[in-house]
Amino acid sequence: MIPDTKDALRAYFLQKRLELSPERIKQASNSVLKQLRKLNEFKKAQNVAIYFPFKNEIDVTDLIKEKRILLPRVSKKNLIFSYVSTYDNLVKSKFGINEPTKNQPSVEKNEIDLIIVPGIVYSRKRKRIGYGAGFYDIFLKDYEGITIGVCFNEFIIAFKDNDYDISVDILLEG
């Protein structure tokens, strides 16, 4: 039975995602990248913020070959984005996620054309459940660029969202 609270949904679907095969992750990642590359919003974007995949997330890191890529790091309760031209100089955060070092220059929010937003699950209303700390909800609250959520199609579900949950502009599933 699928749980109904956000915390329980988060735990349930994170465990389900950890059980996905490498082949399923690769298939979904390739499908999402193919869809993304067809979008005019992506074609027009120069500065694209992504995430470094963690715990079997859809992998969009190949985008470094075609766009100016930014990755987030966490500073207190905030996401700070920095340009990266390679993934070789990343460090593990306290959450175990690869992120830019503190000495890499950060960019202002308005310099980011498009953000690819990770989530454990999404709804058809394009709302997400992440890891629960609220970093993306806080960052996206006044972000004016394009947001694109990516998700495994089996993790698009109905759930009760809150007023502070931010919808992404576009949801891609693989």
C-alpha atoms as a PDB file:
ATOM      1  CA  MET A   1       0.000   0.000   0.000  1.00  0.00           C
ATOM      2  CA  ILE A   2       1.286   3.460  -0.914  1.00  0.00           C
ATOM      3  CA  PRO A   3       1.542   5.849   2.077  1.00  0.00           C
ATOM      4  CA  ASP A   4      -0.238   9.206   2.149  1.00  0.00           C
ATOM      5  CA  THR A   5       1.948  11.615   4.149  1.00  0.00           C
ATOM      6  CA  LYS A   6       4.820  13.440   2.476  1.00  0.00           C
ATOM      7  CA  ASP A   7       7.415  11.957   4.809  1.00  0.00           C
ATOM      8  CA  ALA A   8       6.100   8.445   4.239  1.00  0.00           C
ATOM      9  CA  LEU A   9       5.858   8.993   0.462  1.00  0.00           C
ATOM     10  CA  ARG A  10       9.408  10.342   0.433  1.00  0.00           C
ATOM     11  CA  ALA A  11      10.753   7.285   2.263  1.00  0.00           C
ATOM     12  CA  TYR A  12       8.674   4.793   0.264  1.00  0.00           C
ATOM     13  CA  PHE A  13       9.601   6.133  -3.179  1.00  0.00           C
ATOM     14  CA  LEU A  14      13.222   6.787  -2.299  1.00  0.00           C
ATOM     15  CA  GLN A  15      13.485   3.105  -1.394  1.00  0.00           C
ATOM     16  CA  LYS A  16      11.727   2.161  -4.650  1.00  0.00           C
ATOM     17  CA  ARG A  17      14.174   4.359  -6.584  1.00  0.00           C
ATOM     18  CA  LEU A  18      17.137   2.718  -4.880  1.00  0.00           C
ATOM     19  CA  GLU A  19      15.803  -0.622  -6.146  1.00  0.00           C
ATOM     20  CA  LEU A  20      15.813   0.483  -9.803  1.00  0.00           C
ATOM     21  CA  SER A  21      18.235  -1.314 -12.074  1.00  0.00           C
ATOM     22  CA  PRO A  22      21.120   0.529 -13.725  1.00  0.00           C
ATOM     23  CA  GLU A  23      19.443  -0.248 -17.076  1.00  0.00           C
ATOM     24  CA  ARG A  24      16.188   1.433 -15.969  1.00  0.00           C
ATOM     25  CA  ILE A  25      18.050   4.514 -14.748  1.00  0.00           C
ATOM     26  CA  LYS A  26      19.998   4.772 -18.019  1.00  0.00           C
ATOM     27  CA  GLN A  27      16.843   4.289 -20.102  1.00  0.00           C
ATOM     28  CA  ALA A  28      14.932   6.968 -18.168  1.00  0.00           C
ATOM     29  CA  SER A  29      17.909   9.355 -18.243  1.00  0.00           C
ATOM     30  CA  ASN A  30      18.316   8.965 -22.004  1.00  0.00           C
ATOM     31  CA  SER A  31      14.579   9.466 -22.552  1.00  0.00           C
ATOM     32  CA  VAL A  32      14.542  12.649 -20.456  1.00  0.00           C
ATOM     33  CA  LEU A  33      17.645  14.035 -22.216  1.00  0.00           C
ATOM     34  CA  LYS A  34      16.088  13.347 -25.626  1.00  0.00           C
ATOM     35  CA  GLN A  35      12.876  15.171 -24.637  1.00  0.00           C
ATOM     36  CA  LEU A  36      14.822  18.035 -23.088  1.00  0.00           C
ATOM     37  CA  ARG A  37      16.940  18.623 -26.183  1.00  0.00           C
ATOM     38  CA  LYS A  38      13.760  19.065 -28.266  1.00  0.00           C
ATOM     39  CA  LEU A  39      12.378  21.864 -26.078  1.00  0.00           C
ATOM     40  CA  ASN A  40      12.712  25.427 -27.382  1.00  0.00           C
ATOM     41  CA  GLU A  41      13.199  26.594 -23.788  1.00  0.00           C
ATOM     42  CA  PHE A  42      16.279  24.394 -23.538  1.00  0.00           C
ATOM     43  CA  LYS A  43      17.578  25.288 -26.999  1.00  0.00           C
ATOM     44  CA  LYS A  44      17.419  29.014 -26.126  1.00  0.00           C
ATOM     45  CA  ALA A  45      18.964  28.644 -22.673  1.00  0.00           C
ATOM     46  CA  GLN A  46      22.649  29.395 -22.270  1.00  0.00           C
ATOM     47  CA  ASN A  47      23.135  28.981 -18.517  1.00  0.00           C
ATOM     48  CA  VAL A  48      21.543  25.762 -17.299  1.00  0.00           C
ATOM     49  CA  ALA A  49      21.478  24.696 -13.656  1.00  0.00           C
ATOM     50  CA  ILE A  50      21.371  20.965 -13.069  1.00  0.00           C
ATOM     51  CA  TYR A  51      21.978  18.677 -10.107  1.00  0.00           C
ATOM     52  CA  PHE A  52      24.566  15.946  -9.669  1.00  0.00           C
ATOM     53  CA  PRO A  53      22.673  12.619  -9.521  1.00  0.00           C
ATOM     54  CA  PHE A  54      22.285  11.126  -6.072  1.00  0.00           C
ATOM     55  CA  LYS A  55      20.621   7.900  -4.953  1.00  0.00           C
ATOM     56  CA  ASN A  56      19.620   6.757  -8.460  1.00  0.00           C
ATOM     57  CA  GLU A  57      18.267  10.094  -9.693  1.00  0.00           C
ATOM     58  CA  ILE A  58      17.831  10.639 -13.403  1.00  0.00           C
ATOM     59  CA  ASP A  59      21.247  11.573 -14.765  1.00  0.00           C
ATOM     60  CA  VAL A  60      21.437  14.773 -16.833  1.00  0.00           C
ATOM     61  CA  THR A  61      25.165  15.379 -16.388  1.00  0.00           C
ATOM     62  CA  ASP A  62      25.841  14.809 -20.117  1.00  0.00           C
ATOM     63  CA  LEU A  63      24.495  18.323 -20.660  1.00  0.00           C
ATOM     64  CA  ILE A  64      27.942  19.656 -19.724  1.00  0.00           C
ATOM     65  CA  LYS A  65      28.954  18.859 -23.319  1.00  0.00           C
ATOM     66  CA  GLU A  66      26.470  21.337 -24.791  1.00  0.00           C
ATOM     67  CA  LYS A  67      25.580  24.093 -22.301  1.00  0.00           C
ATOM     68  CA  ARG A  68      27.162  26.282 -19.624  1.00  0.00           C
ATOM     69  CA  ILE A  69      26.341  24.177 -16.585  1.00  0.00           C
ATOM     70  CA  LEU A  70      25.825  25.275 -13.009  1.00  0.00           C
ATOM     71  CA  LEU A  71      25.638  22.989 -10.008  1.00  0.00           C
ATOM     72  CA  PRO A  72      24.236  23.822  -6.575  1.00  0.00           C
ATOM     73  CA  ARG A  73      25.905  23.695  -3.233  1.00  0.00           C
ATOM     74  CA  VAL A  74      24.149  24.146   0.072  1.00  0.00           C
ATOM     75  CA  SER A  75      25.053  27.048   2.334  1.00  0.00           C
ATOM     76  CA  LYS A  76      22.926  27.089   5.472  1.00  0.00           C
ATOM     77  CA  LYS A  77      19.349  26.885   4.064  1.00  0.00           C
ATOM     78  CA  ASN A  78      20.235  28.252   0.627  1.00  0.00           C
ATOM     79  CA  LEU A  79      21.256  26.841  -2.723  1.00  0.00           C
ATOM     80  CA  ILE A  80      24.189  28.648  -4.322  1.00  0.00           C
ATOM     81  CA  PHE A  81      24.939  27.851  -7.957  1.00  0.00           C
ATOM     82  CA  SER A  82      28.405  27.879  -9.544  1.00  0.00           C
ATOM     83  CA  TYR A  83      29.595  27.213 -13.087  1.00  0.00           C
ATOM     84  CA  VAL A  84      31.387  23.940 -13.662  1.00  0.00           C
ATOM     85  CA  SER A  85      33.251  22.905 -16.808  1.00  0.00           C
ATOM     86  CA  THR A  86      34.170  19.478 -15.455  1.00  0.00           C
ATOM     87  CA  TYR A  87      32.932  17.227 -12.695  1.00  0.00           C
ATOM     88  CA  ASP A  88      36.472  16.446 -11.543  1.00  0.00           C
ATOM     89  CA  ASN A  89      36.714  19.134  -8.840  1.00  0.00           C
ATOM     90  CA  LEU A  90      33.511  18.469  -6.921  1.00  0.00           C
ATOM     91  CA  VAL A  91      33.432  17.715  -3.203  1.00  0.00           C
ATOM     92  CA  LYS A  92      30.979  15.662  -1.151  1.00  0.00           C
ATOM     93  CA  SER A  93      28.537  17.748   0.878  1.00  0.00           C
ATOM     94  CA  LYS A  94      27.397  16.811   4.358  1.00  0.00           C
ATOM     95  CA  PHE A  95      24.454  15.128   2.597  1.00  0.00           C
ATOM     96  CA  GLY A  96      26.801  13.012   0.453  1.00  0.00           C
ATOM     97  CA  ILE A  97      26.004  14.905  -2.757  1.00  0.00           C
ATOM     98  CA  ASN A  98      28.765  16.053  -5.102  1.00  0.00           C
ATOM     99  CA  GLU A  99      28.830  19.857  -5.289  1.00  0.00           C
ATOM    100  CA  PRO A 100      31.165  22.715  -6.255  1.00  0.00           C
ATOM    101  CA  THR A 101      33.721  23.868  -3.709  1.00  0.00           C
ATOM    102  CA  LYS A 102      33.152  27.034  -1.693  1.00  0.00           C
ATOM    103  CA  ASN A 103      35.911  28.843  -3.589  1.00  0.00           C
ATOM    104  CA  GLN A 104      34.152  28.465  -6.948  1.00  0.00           C
ATOM    105  CA  PRO A 105      32.436  31.758  -7.820  1.00  0.00           C
ATOM    106  CA  SER A 106      28.678  31.770  -7.506  1.00  0.00           C
ATOM    107  CA  VAL A 107      26.192  33.348  -9.900  1.00  0.00           C
ATOM    108  CA  GLU A 108      23.147  35.477  -9.253  1.00  0.00           C
ATOM    109  CA  LYS A 109      19.762  33.816  -9.597  1.00  0.00           C
ATOM    110  CA  ASN A 110      18.797  36.020 -12.550  1.00  0.00           C
ATOM    111  CA  GLU A 111      21.804  34.755 -14.542  1.00  0.00           C
ATOM    112  CA  ILE A 112      20.344  31.238 -14.662  1.00  0.00           C
ATOM    113  CA  ASP A 113      18.168  30.735 -17.738  1.00  0.00           C
ATOM    114  CA  LEU A 114      16.820  27.307 -16.863  1.00  0.00           C
ATOM    115  CA  ILE A 115      16.911  24.996 -13.844  1.00  0.00           C
ATOM    116  CA  ILE A 116      16.452  21.246 -13.994  1.00  0.00           C
ATOM    117  CA  VAL A 117      14.830  20.377 -10.683  1.00  0.00           C
ATOM    118  CA  PRO A 118      15.258  16.948  -9.101  1.00  0.00           C
ATOM    119  CA  GLY A 119      12.530  15.277  -7.104  1.00  0.00           C
ATOM    120  CA  ILE A 120      11.769  11.923  -5.561  1.00  0.00           C
ATOM    121  CA  VAL A 121       8.201  12.073  -6.863  1.00  0.00           C
ATOM    122  CA  TYR A 122       6.149  14.548  -8.866  1.00  0.00           C
ATOM    123  CA  SER A 123       2.432  15.067  -9.347  1.00  0.00           C
ATOM    124  CA  ARG A 124       0.604  15.758 -12.598  1.00  0.00           C
ATOM    125  CA  LYS A 125       0.231  19.319 -11.238  1.00  0.00           C
ATOM    126  CA  ARG A 126       4.062  19.468 -11.569  1.00  0.00           C
ATOM    127  CA  LYS A 127       4.550  19.687  -7.783  1.00  0.00           C
ATOM    128  CA  ARG A 128       7.396  17.719  -6.253  1.00  0.00           C
ATOM    129  CA  ILE A 129       8.498  15.962  -3.134  1.00  0.00           C
ATOM    130  CA  GLY A 130      12.227  16.277  -2.625  1.00  0.00           C
ATOM    131  CA  TYR A 131      14.396  15.203   0.264  1.00  0.00           C
ATOM    132  CA  GLY A 132      12.498  17.410   2.717  1.00  0.00           C
ATOM    133  CA  ALA A 133      14.877  20.250   3.541  1.00  0.00           C
ATOM    134  CA  GLY A 134      13.098  22.766   1.293  1.00  0.00           C
ATOM    135  CA  PHE A 135      16.226  24.034  -0.486  1.00  0.00           C
ATOM    136  CA  TYR A 136      14.638  24.089  -3.947  1.00  0.00           C
ATOM    137  CA  ASP A 137      11.304  25.461  -2.702  1.00  0.00           C
ATOM    138  CA  ILE A 138      13.150  28.360  -1.080  1.00  0.00           C
ATOM    139  CA  PHE A 139      15.344  29.023  -4.125  1.00  0.00           C
ATOM    140  CA  LEU A 140      12.519  28.763  -6.681  1.00  0.00           C
ATOM    141  CA  LYS A 141      10.101  30.973  -4.737  1.00  0.00           C
ATOM    142  CA  ASP A 142      11.197  34.125  -6.596  1.00  0.00           C
ATOM    143  CA  TYR A 143      13.082  32.562  -9.513  1.00  0.00           C
ATOM    144  CA  GLU A 144      11.839  33.971 -12.823  1.00  0.00           C
ATOM    145  CA  GLY A 145      13.505  31.607 -15.307  1.00  0.00           C
ATOM    146  CA  ILE A 146      12.282  28.290 -16.673  1.00  0.00           C
ATOM    147  CA  THR A 147      12.025  25.268 -14.368  1.00  0.00           C
ATOM    148  CA  ILE A 148      11.957  21.712 -15.642  1.00  0.00           C
ATOM    149  CA  GLY A 149      11.267  18.760 -13.377  1.00  0.00           C
ATOM    150  CA  VAL A 150      12.535  15.305 -14.269  1.00  0.00           C
ATOM    151  CA  CYS A 151      11.133  12.074 -12.895  1.00  0.00           C
ATOM    152  CA  PHE A 152      10.752   8.373 -13.510  1.00  0.00           C
ATOM    153  CA  ASN A 153       7.269   7.897 -14.979  1.00  0.00           C
ATOM    154  CA  GLU A 154       6.384   5.346 -12.291  1.00  0.00           C
ATOM    155  CA  PHE A 155       7.051   8.041  -9.663  1.00  0.00           C
ATOM    156  CA  ILE A 156       4.432  10.479 -10.902  1.00  0.00           C
ATOM    157  CA  ILE A 157       1.656  10.190  -8.351  1.00  0.00           C
ATOM    158  CA  ALA A 158      -1.175  12.129  -6.715  1.00  0.00           C
ATOM    159  CA  PHE A 159      -0.393  13.650  -3.328  1.00  0.00           C
ATOM    160  CA  LYS A 160      -1.626  16.495  -1.139  1.00  0.00           C
ATOM    161  CA  ASP A 161       0.600  19.491  -1.745  1.00  0.00           C
ATOM    162  CA  ASN A 162       1.066  22.627   0.323  1.00  0.00           C
ATOM    163  CA  ASP A 163       0.831  26.308  -0.587  1.00  0.00           C
ATOM    164  CA  TYR A 164       4.613  26.669  -0.390  1.00  0.00           C
ATOM    165  CA  ASP A 165       5.227  23.792  -2.833  1.00  0.00           C
ATOM    166  CA  ILE A 166       6.458  25.245  -6.103  1.00  0.00           C
ATOM    167  CA  SER A 167       5.263  23.864  -9.452  1.00  0.00           C
ATOM    168  CA  VAL A 168       7.845  23.445 -12.186  1.00  0.00           C
ATOM    169  CA  ASP A 169       7.006  24.886 -15.607  1.00  0.00           C
ATOM    170  CA  ILE A 170       7.584  21.630 -17.463  1.00  0.00           C
ATOM    171  CA  LEU A 171       7.703  18.022 -16.262  1.00  0.00           C
ATOM    172  CA  LEU A 172       9.658  15.434 -18.223  1.00  0.00           C
ATOM    173  CA  GLU A 173       9.340  11.773 -17.421  1.00  0.00           C
ATOM    174  CA  GLY A 174      11.417   8.818 -18.455  1.00  0.00           C
END
